[in-house]
């Protein structure tokens, strides 16, 4: 195994890769003695049918390479995925055919579990992709893949050099950018999210950077009735994405 191997672990993450991108799975490690376990057997059979090399390894080996993460007896070694950046994002915007664009932009979110949870919510809400800056932001780590529960294989992750510039580029292509900020005057629920939209969320504890905030067409907030000042970024992302999904579903049913 190369030190540079990319890893994915956990039942949903590995199964998602084998279902959608089997060509990326170079090697599958299965915990010794669990190859025929009811939950693992279908994944092993799918890997075998795809021509993936399979090795039985001890549990301690899996734990060592996942940093103690909940691997559920499966670790996949991956070939690198094609890189998606600003050019690919703009091309996707210009060629969308399944309704108005819906993207989630994350400004320097560094926790892999938050990134994974955001990908999962984006998948569930029907978003077309998640946008993150290349620097000072969490890449798609094995922990992020695990938290995404398979969504890392269904939702494109665009890593851009300059997030503020990318938001400006989206605006030029007809995508409204809505930043979530606690001090905003307008409630998110009062915004029209049925048009092509990118929801922009800031990092854990810091919120949106000044330049990112300036590039947003609108700022909106969630109604906060309690004593806490803010929610976890992945929770906020889920609420915002599903508000957009709700509005779009309601709009499509209106005669």
Protein backbone atom coordinates (compact mmCIF):
# COMPACT_ATOMS: atom_id res chain seq x y z
CA UNK A 1 0.00 0.00 0.00
CA UNK A 2 1.25 3.45 -0.90
CA UNK A 3 1.30 6.13 1.76
CA UNK A 4 -0.52 8.31 -0.71
CA UNK A 5 -3.46 5.93 -1.08
CA UNK A 6 -6.83 7.61 -0.69
CA UNK A 7 -9.10 5.72 1.64
CA UNK A 8 -12.83 5.33 2.15
CA UNK A 9 -14.26 3.29 4.98
CA UNK A 10 -17.61 2.28 6.38
CA UNK A 11 -20.46 0.32 4.82
CA UNK A 12 -22.36 3.18 3.11
CA UNK A 13 -19.27 4.97 1.83
CA UNK A 14 -17.67 1.87 0.30
CA UNK A 15 -20.95 0.56 -1.12
CA UNK A 16 -21.65 3.96 -2.70
CA UNK A 17 -18.27 3.96 -4.41
CA UNK A 18 -18.74 0.45 -5.76
CA UNK A 19 -22.21 1.29 -7.04
CA UNK A 20 -21.30 4.55 -8.77
CA UNK A 21 -17.53 4.57 -9.35
CA UNK A 22 -16.19 1.00 -9.14
CA UNK A 23 -13.29 1.98 -11.42
CA UNK A 24 -11.93 4.13 -8.61
CA UNK A 25 -11.64 1.26 -6.12
CA UNK A 26 -8.19 -0.28 -6.43
CA UNK A 27 -8.27 -2.59 -3.42
CA UNK A 28 -10.83 -3.59 -0.80
CA UNK A 29 -9.76 -4.62 2.68
CA UNK A 30 -12.26 -6.76 4.57
CA UNK A 31 -11.94 -7.62 8.23
CA UNK A 32 -10.73 -11.22 8.53
CA UNK A 33 -13.51 -13.61 9.47
CA UNK A 34 -16.31 -11.24 8.44
CA UNK A 35 -16.24 -11.77 4.67
CA UNK A 36 -19.55 -13.68 4.83
CA UNK A 37 -21.26 -11.42 7.38
CA UNK A 38 -24.78 -10.59 6.11
CA UNK A 39 -24.14 -6.85 5.76
CA UNK A 40 -20.66 -7.19 4.27
CA UNK A 41 -21.23 -10.07 1.84
CA UNK A 42 -23.15 -8.04 -0.81
CA UNK A 43 -20.42 -5.38 -0.81
CA UNK A 44 -17.69 -7.99 -1.18
CA UNK A 45 -19.60 -9.69 -4.00
CA UNK A 46 -20.08 -6.39 -5.80
CA UNK A 47 -16.36 -5.63 -5.49
CA UNK A 48 -15.49 -9.08 -6.80
CA UNK A 49 -17.85 -8.67 -9.77
CA UNK A 50 -16.20 -5.33 -10.57
CA UNK A 51 -12.77 -6.95 -10.63
CA UNK A 52 -11.56 -5.22 -7.46
CA UNK A 53 -8.73 -6.93 -5.58
CA UNK A 54 -9.90 -8.10 -2.15
CA UNK A 55 -7.74 -8.81 0.87
CA UNK A 56 -8.65 -10.08 4.34
CA UNK A 57 -6.82 -8.14 7.03
CA UNK A 58 -6.86 -8.06 10.81
CA UNK A 59 -9.08 -5.61 12.65
CA UNK A 60 -6.06 -3.83 14.13
CA UNK A 61 -4.83 -3.04 10.60
CA UNK A 62 -8.17 -1.46 9.70
CA UNK A 63 -8.16 0.55 12.93
CA UNK A 64 -4.61 1.73 12.33
CA UNK A 65 -5.33 3.05 8.84
CA UNK A 66 -8.65 4.67 9.74
CA UNK A 67 -7.34 6.38 12.85
CA UNK A 68 -9.81 4.51 15.01
CA UNK A 69 -12.75 5.50 12.81
CA UNK A 70 -15.86 3.33 12.60
CA UNK A 71 -14.83 1.28 9.58
CA UNK A 72 -17.49 -1.46 9.99
CA UNK A 73 -15.04 -4.02 8.63
CA UNK A 74 -14.44 -2.34 5.25
CA UNK A 75 -11.68 -0.07 3.92
CA UNK A 76 -11.36 0.79 0.22
CA UNK A 77 -8.14 2.04 -1.38
CA UNK A 78 -8.97 4.51 -4.13
CA UNK A 79 -7.52 5.89 -7.30
CA UNK A 80 -7.61 9.71 -7.41
CA UNK A 81 -10.86 11.25 -8.65
CA UNK A 82 -10.89 13.84 -11.45
CA UNK A 83 -10.41 17.30 -9.97
CA UNK A 84 -13.43 19.62 -10.11
CA UNK A 85 -12.77 23.35 -9.95
CA UNK A 86 -14.23 26.65 -11.06
CA UNK A 87 -14.28 25.80 -14.78
CA UNK A 88 -16.18 22.56 -14.17
CA UNK A 89 -18.60 24.38 -11.84
CA UNK A 90 -19.43 27.05 -14.41
CA UNK A 91 -19.85 24.42 -17.10
CA UNK A 92 -22.27 22.52 -14.85
CA UNK A 93 -24.29 25.69 -14.23
CA UNK A 94 -24.55 26.40 -17.95
CA UNK A 95 -25.66 22.85 -18.84
CA UNK A 96 -28.11 22.04 -16.03
CA UNK A 97 -31.29 20.43 -17.27
CA UNK A 98 -33.05 19.32 -14.07
CA UNK A 99 -34.52 22.54 -12.73
CA UNK A 100 -33.01 25.76 -11.37
CA UNK A 101 -29.50 25.49 -9.93
CA UNK A 102 -29.06 24.85 -6.23
CA UNK A 103 -25.55 24.91 -4.77
CA UNK A 104 -24.10 25.02 -1.27
CA UNK A 105 -20.93 27.08 -0.77
CA UNK A 106 -18.91 26.58 2.43
CA UNK A 107 -16.47 29.30 3.43
CA UNK A 108 -13.45 27.64 5.10
CA UNK A 109 -15.33 24.85 6.88
CA UNK A 110 -12.54 22.73 8.38
CA UNK A 111 -14.27 19.92 10.27
CA UNK A 112 -14.51 16.74 8.13
CA UNK A 113 -17.66 15.61 9.90
CA UNK A 114 -19.35 18.91 9.07
CA UNK A 115 -18.27 18.64 5.43
CA UNK A 116 -19.59 15.10 5.25
CA UNK A 117 -22.89 16.07 6.88
CA UNK A 118 -23.26 18.98 4.44
CA UNK A 119 -22.70 16.65 1.49
CA UNK A 120 -25.32 14.31 2.89
CA UNK A 121 -27.87 17.12 3.25
CA UNK A 122 -27.02 18.42 -0.22
CA UNK A 123 -27.72 14.99 -1.68
CA UNK A 124 -31.01 14.63 0.19
CA UNK A 125 -32.22 18.11 -0.83
CA UNK A 126 -31.34 17.61 -4.49
CA UNK A 127 -28.52 20.17 -4.65
CA UNK A 128 -26.30 20.19 -7.70
CA UNK A 129 -23.02 20.48 -5.84
CA UNK A 130 -21.01 21.78 -2.90
CA UNK A 131 -18.37 24.48 -3.36
CA UNK A 132 -15.37 24.92 -1.06
CA UNK A 133 -12.12 26.91 -1.26
CA UNK A 134 -8.93 24.93 -1.78
CA UNK A 135 -7.10 26.58 1.11
CA UNK A 136 -8.04 26.56 4.79
CA UNK A 137 -10.92 24.20 4.16
CA UNK A 138 -11.35 20.50 4.77
CA UNK A 139 -10.68 18.28 1.75
CA UNK A 140 -12.64 15.10 1.15
CA UNK A 141 -10.94 12.99 3.82
CA UNK A 142 -11.92 9.41 4.75
CA UNK A 143 -13.71 10.81 7.81
CA UNK A 144 -15.66 13.23 5.62
CA UNK A 145 -16.59 10.39 3.25
CA UNK A 146 -17.78 8.31 6.20
CA UNK A 147 -19.90 11.17 7.56
CA UNK A 148 -21.37 11.72 4.08
CA UNK A 149 -22.76 8.17 4.14
CA UNK A 150 -22.36 7.69 0.39
CA UNK A 151 -23.21 11.27 -0.64
CA UNK A 152 -19.55 12.01 -1.44
CA UNK A 153 -20.06 9.78 -4.48
CA UNK A 154 -23.28 11.48 -5.65
CA UNK A 155 -22.73 15.20 -4.97
CA UNK A 156 -19.97 16.97 -6.92
CA UNK A 157 -17.48 18.77 -4.69
CA UNK A 158 -15.96 21.81 -6.41
CA UNK A 159 -12.72 23.10 -4.89
CA UNK A 160 -12.03 26.64 -6.09
CA UNK A 161 -9.02 28.92 -5.71
CA UNK A 162 -10.96 32.04 -4.73
CA UNK A 163 -14.46 31.61 -3.31
CA UNK A 164 -15.39 35.30 -3.59
CA UNK A 165 -14.41 35.32 -7.26
CA UNK A 166 -16.39 32.13 -7.84
CA UNK A 167 -19.51 33.67 -6.26
CA UNK A 168 -19.11 36.64 -8.59
CA UNK A 169 -18.85 34.24 -11.52
CA UNK A 170 -22.02 32.46 -10.43
CA UNK A 171 -23.85 35.79 -10.24
CA UNK A 172 -22.80 36.56 -13.82
CA UNK A 173 -24.38 33.26 -14.85
CA UNK A 174 -27.70 34.06 -13.23
CA UNK A 175 -27.22 32.29 -9.89
CA UNK A 176 -28.31 34.36 -6.88
CA UNK A 177 -25.96 34.05 -3.91
CA UNK A 178 -27.59 34.07 -0.46
CA UNK A 179 -25.29 34.27 2.56
CA UNK A 180 -26.44 33.08 5.97
CA UNK A 181 -25.57 35.66 8.65
CA UNK A 182 -27.02 36.02 12.13
CA UNK A 183 -27.21 39.81 11.90
CA UNK A 184 -29.15 39.89 8.62
CA UNK A 185 -32.45 41.77 8.59
CA UNK A 186 -34.31 39.27 6.40
CA UNK A 187 -35.41 35.77 7.42
CA UNK A 188 -34.38 32.99 5.08
CA UNK A 189 -38.01 31.85 5.02
CA UNK A 190 -38.97 35.19 3.43
CA UNK A 191 -36.44 34.83 0.61
CA UNK A 192 -37.42 33.49 -2.80
CA UNK A 193 -35.20 30.44 -3.25
CA UNK A 194 -36.97 29.08 -6.33
CA UNK A 195 -34.60 30.92 -8.69
CA UNK A 196 -31.08 29.56 -9.38
CA UNK A 197 -29.43 29.91 -5.97
CA UNK A 198 -26.17 29.29 -4.13
CA UNK A 199 -26.51 29.20 -0.35
CA UNK A 200 -23.32 30.47 1.30
CA UNK A 201 -22.36 29.45 4.84
CA UNK A 202 -19.38 30.47 6.93
CA UNK A 203 -16.92 28.45 8.96
CA UNK A 204 -17.57 26.98 12.37
CA UNK A 205 -17.66 29.79 14.92
CA UNK A 206 -16.38 32.51 12.55
CA UNK A 207 -19.14 32.84 10.01
CA UNK A 208 -18.66 34.38 6.59
CA UNK A 209 -15.44 36.22 5.83
CA UNK A 210 -15.82 39.90 4.95
CA UNK A 211 -15.02 39.51 1.24
CA UNK A 212 -17.29 36.48 0.90
CA UNK A 213 -20.10 38.40 2.57
CA UNK A 214 -19.62 41.32 0.16
CA UNK A 215 -19.95 39.02 -2.84
CA UNK A 216 -23.36 37.72 -1.72
CA UNK A 217 -26.40 39.22 -3.42
CA UNK A 218 -28.46 38.85 -0.24
CA UNK A 219 -27.92 38.05 3.43
CA UNK A 220 -30.52 36.12 5.40
CA UNK A 221 -30.82 34.59 8.85
CA UNK A 222 -32.62 31.76 10.54
CA UNK A 223 -35.13 32.62 13.28
CA UNK A 224 -33.43 31.95 16.62
CA UNK A 225 -35.87 31.84 19.52
CA UNK A 226 -33.56 30.49 22.22
CA UNK A 227 -30.41 31.69 23.91
CA UNK A 228 -27.83 30.18 21.53
CA UNK A 229 -26.40 32.59 18.97
CA UNK A 230 -25.81 30.15 16.14
CA UNK A 231 -26.22 26.56 14.98
CA UNK A 232 -23.65 24.07 13.78
CA UNK A 233 -22.81 24.78 10.13
CA UNK A 234 -24.06 21.40 8.96
CA UNK A 235 -27.37 21.89 10.79
CA UNK A 236 -27.76 25.34 9.22
CA UNK A 237 -26.94 23.90 5.81
CA UNK A 238 -29.61 21.24 6.18
CA UNK A 239 -32.27 23.77 7.21
CA UNK A 240 -31.38 26.16 4.38
CA UNK A 241 -31.21 23.47 1.70
CA UNK A 242 -34.53 21.98 2.66
CA UNK A 243 -36.18 25.39 2.77
CA UNK A 244 -35.07 25.81 -0.84
CA UNK A 245 -36.34 22.31 -1.64
CA UNK A 246 -39.68 23.05 0.07
CA UNK A 247 -40.19 26.27 -1.86
CA UNK A 248 -39.39 24.57 -5.16
CA UNK A 249 -41.71 21.68 -4.46
CA UNK A 250 -44.52 24.05 -3.49
CA UNK A 251 -43.90 26.19 -6.55
CA UNK A 252 -44.05 23.19 -8.87
CA UNK A 253 -47.46 22.22 -7.48
CA UNK A 254 -48.94 25.71 -7.83
CA UNK A 255 -51.21 25.87 -10.92
